Amino acid sequence: MSNSLFGLHGEALRLRGERMTLIASNIANAATPGYKARDIDFRSALAAREGGASIEASRSAAIQFRAPIMASLDGNTVEMSTEQMAFSENAVAYATTLEFLKGRIETTTRAIRGE
């Protein structure tokens, strides 16, 4: 039922949450020598899920290492401005998806109550 009720939005919310975790990990490791920044290609992960791939397979295929604009001498590829921008954009998209799902749930609840 949740698949027909939420469609792909439930999966999108889960992927955005995982992306948020990955970006936060990049920020936390900004001073770790040799750390390679990673990100989830949201579109390819969602497309893989639409195509029937498992959650793990779609996530694994969509994780990519981020290429730095300015290489660091210690091998760390985290660039705080890039990470902060990605985190902010993802947070807005996460909140938007969450609001959409909230509206869908409220509409369904009203329909069940007969309002």
Protein backbone atom coordinates (compact mmCIF):
# COMPACT_ATOMS: atom_id res chain seq x y z
CA MET A 1 0.00 0.00 0.00
CA SER A 2 2.77 2.45 0.83
CA ASN A 3 4.22 2.04 -2.67
CA SER A 4 0.97 3.09 -4.35
CA LEU A 5 0.26 5.76 -1.75
CA PHE A 6 3.68 7.42 -1.80
CA GLY A 7 4.93 6.36 -5.21
CA LEU A 8 8.59 7.09 -5.65
CA HIS A 9 8.56 9.91 -3.09
CA GLY A 10 9.18 7.56 -0.17
CA GLU A 11 12.25 6.17 -1.91
CA ALA A 12 13.38 9.70 -2.79
CA LEU A 13 13.18 10.68 0.88
CA ARG A 14 15.27 7.66 1.90
CA LEU A 15 17.91 8.43 -0.75
CA ARG A 16 18.06 12.10 0.27
CA GLY A 17 18.57 11.00 3.88
CA GLU A 18 21.42 8.72 2.86
CA ARG A 19 22.96 11.51 0.79
CA MET A 20 22.73 13.83 3.79
CA THR A 21 24.63 11.27 5.88
CA LEU A 22 27.32 10.89 3.23
CA ILE A 23 27.82 14.65 2.87
CA ALA A 24 27.96 15.05 6.66
CA SER A 25 30.65 12.36 6.73
CA ASN A 26 32.63 14.33 4.15
CA ILE A 27 32.39 17.48 6.28
CA ALA A 28 33.41 15.57 9.41
CA ASN A 29 36.51 14.26 7.61
CA ALA A 30 37.59 17.57 6.08
CA ALA A 31 40.89 17.46 7.98
CA THR A 32 41.58 13.72 7.56
CA PRO A 33 44.61 13.19 5.30
CA GLY A 34 43.83 11.02 2.29
CA TYR A 35 40.05 11.09 2.79
CA LYS A 36 38.16 10.98 -0.50
CA ALA A 37 34.87 12.90 -0.60
CA ARG A 38 31.91 10.86 -1.82
CA ASP A 39 28.41 11.71 -2.95
CA ILE A 40 25.32 9.93 -4.21
CA ASP A 41 24.18 10.65 -7.74
CA PHE A 42 20.55 11.04 -6.77
CA ARG A 43 19.13 10.79 -10.29
CA SER A 44 20.92 7.57 -11.19
CA ALA A 45 20.02 5.97 -7.83
CA LEU A 46 16.36 6.86 -8.26
CA ALA A 47 16.38 5.68 -11.88
CA ALA A 48 17.90 2.35 -10.79
CA ARG A 49 15.15 1.92 -8.18
CA GLU A 50 12.51 2.72 -10.79
CA GLY A 51 14.11 0.06 -12.98
CA GLY A 52 13.65 -2.53 -10.23
CA ALA A 53 17.15 -2.61 -8.72
CA SER A 54 17.42 -3.39 -5.02
CA ILE A 55 17.99 -0.61 -2.51
CA GLU A 56 21.59 -1.71 -1.93
CA ALA A 57 22.37 -2.08 -5.63
CA SER A 58 20.94 1.31 -6.56
CA ARG A 59 22.83 3.01 -3.72
CA SER A 60 26.13 1.26 -4.45
CA ALA A 61 25.96 2.10 -8.14
CA ALA A 62 25.19 5.75 -7.43
CA ILE A 63 27.99 6.46 -4.92
CA GLN A 64 30.77 8.38 -6.61
CA PHE A 65 33.99 9.98 -5.49
CA ARG A 66 33.91 13.73 -5.86
CA ALA A 67 36.64 15.29 -8.03
CA PRO A 68 38.17 18.29 -6.25
CA ILE A 69 38.47 21.69 -7.89
CA MET A 70 41.67 22.44 -5.96
CA ALA A 71 43.72 19.38 -5.05
CA SER A 72 45.00 19.19 -1.47
CA LEU A 73 48.60 18.30 -0.69
CA ASP A 74 47.55 15.66 1.86
CA GLY A 75 45.28 13.85 -0.62
CA ASN A 76 42.03 14.96 1.02
CA THR A 77 39.39 15.84 -1.60
CA VAL A 78 36.85 17.50 0.72
CA GLU A 79 36.15 21.12 -0.22
CA MET A 80 34.03 22.76 2.43
CA SER A 81 32.27 25.20 0.10
CA THR A 82 31.21 22.36 -2.20
CA GLU A 83 30.08 20.21 0.70
CA GLN A 84 28.13 23.03 2.35
CA MET A 85 26.38 23.87 -0.89
CA ALA A 86 25.49 20.20 -1.55
CA PHE A 87 24.28 19.81 2.04
CA SER A 88 22.07 22.91 1.79
CA GLU A 89 20.58 21.91 -1.56
CA ASN A 90 19.90 18.39 -0.31
CA ALA A 91 18.33 19.70 2.91
CA VAL A 92 15.89 21.86 0.93
CA ALA A 93 15.01 18.95 -1.37
CA TYR A 94 14.57 16.66 1.66
CA ALA A 95 12.22 19.14 3.35
CA THR A 96 10.24 19.59 0.13
CA THR A 97 9.81 15.84 -0.31
CA LEU A 98 8.82 15.51 3.33
CA GLU A 99 6.17 18.23 2.97
CA PHE A 100 4.78 16.54 -0.12
CA LEU A 101 4.50 13.23 1.74
CA LYS A 102 2.92 14.97 4.71
CA GLY A 103 0.27 16.47 2.43
CA ARG A 104 -0.38 13.09 0.84
CA ILE A 105 -0.84 11.49 4.27
CA GLU A 106 -3.16 14.27 5.46
CA THR A 107 -5.28 13.96 2.31
CA THR A 108 -5.52 10.20 2.71
CA THR A 109 -6.42 10.57 6.40
CA ARG A 110 -9.20 13.03 5.57
CA ALA A 111 -10.52 10.67 2.89
CA ILE A 112 -10.58 7.76 5.34
CA ARG A 113 -12.46 9.89 7.89
CA GLY A 114 -14.92 10.97 5.20
CA GLU A 115 -14.15 14.69 5.49
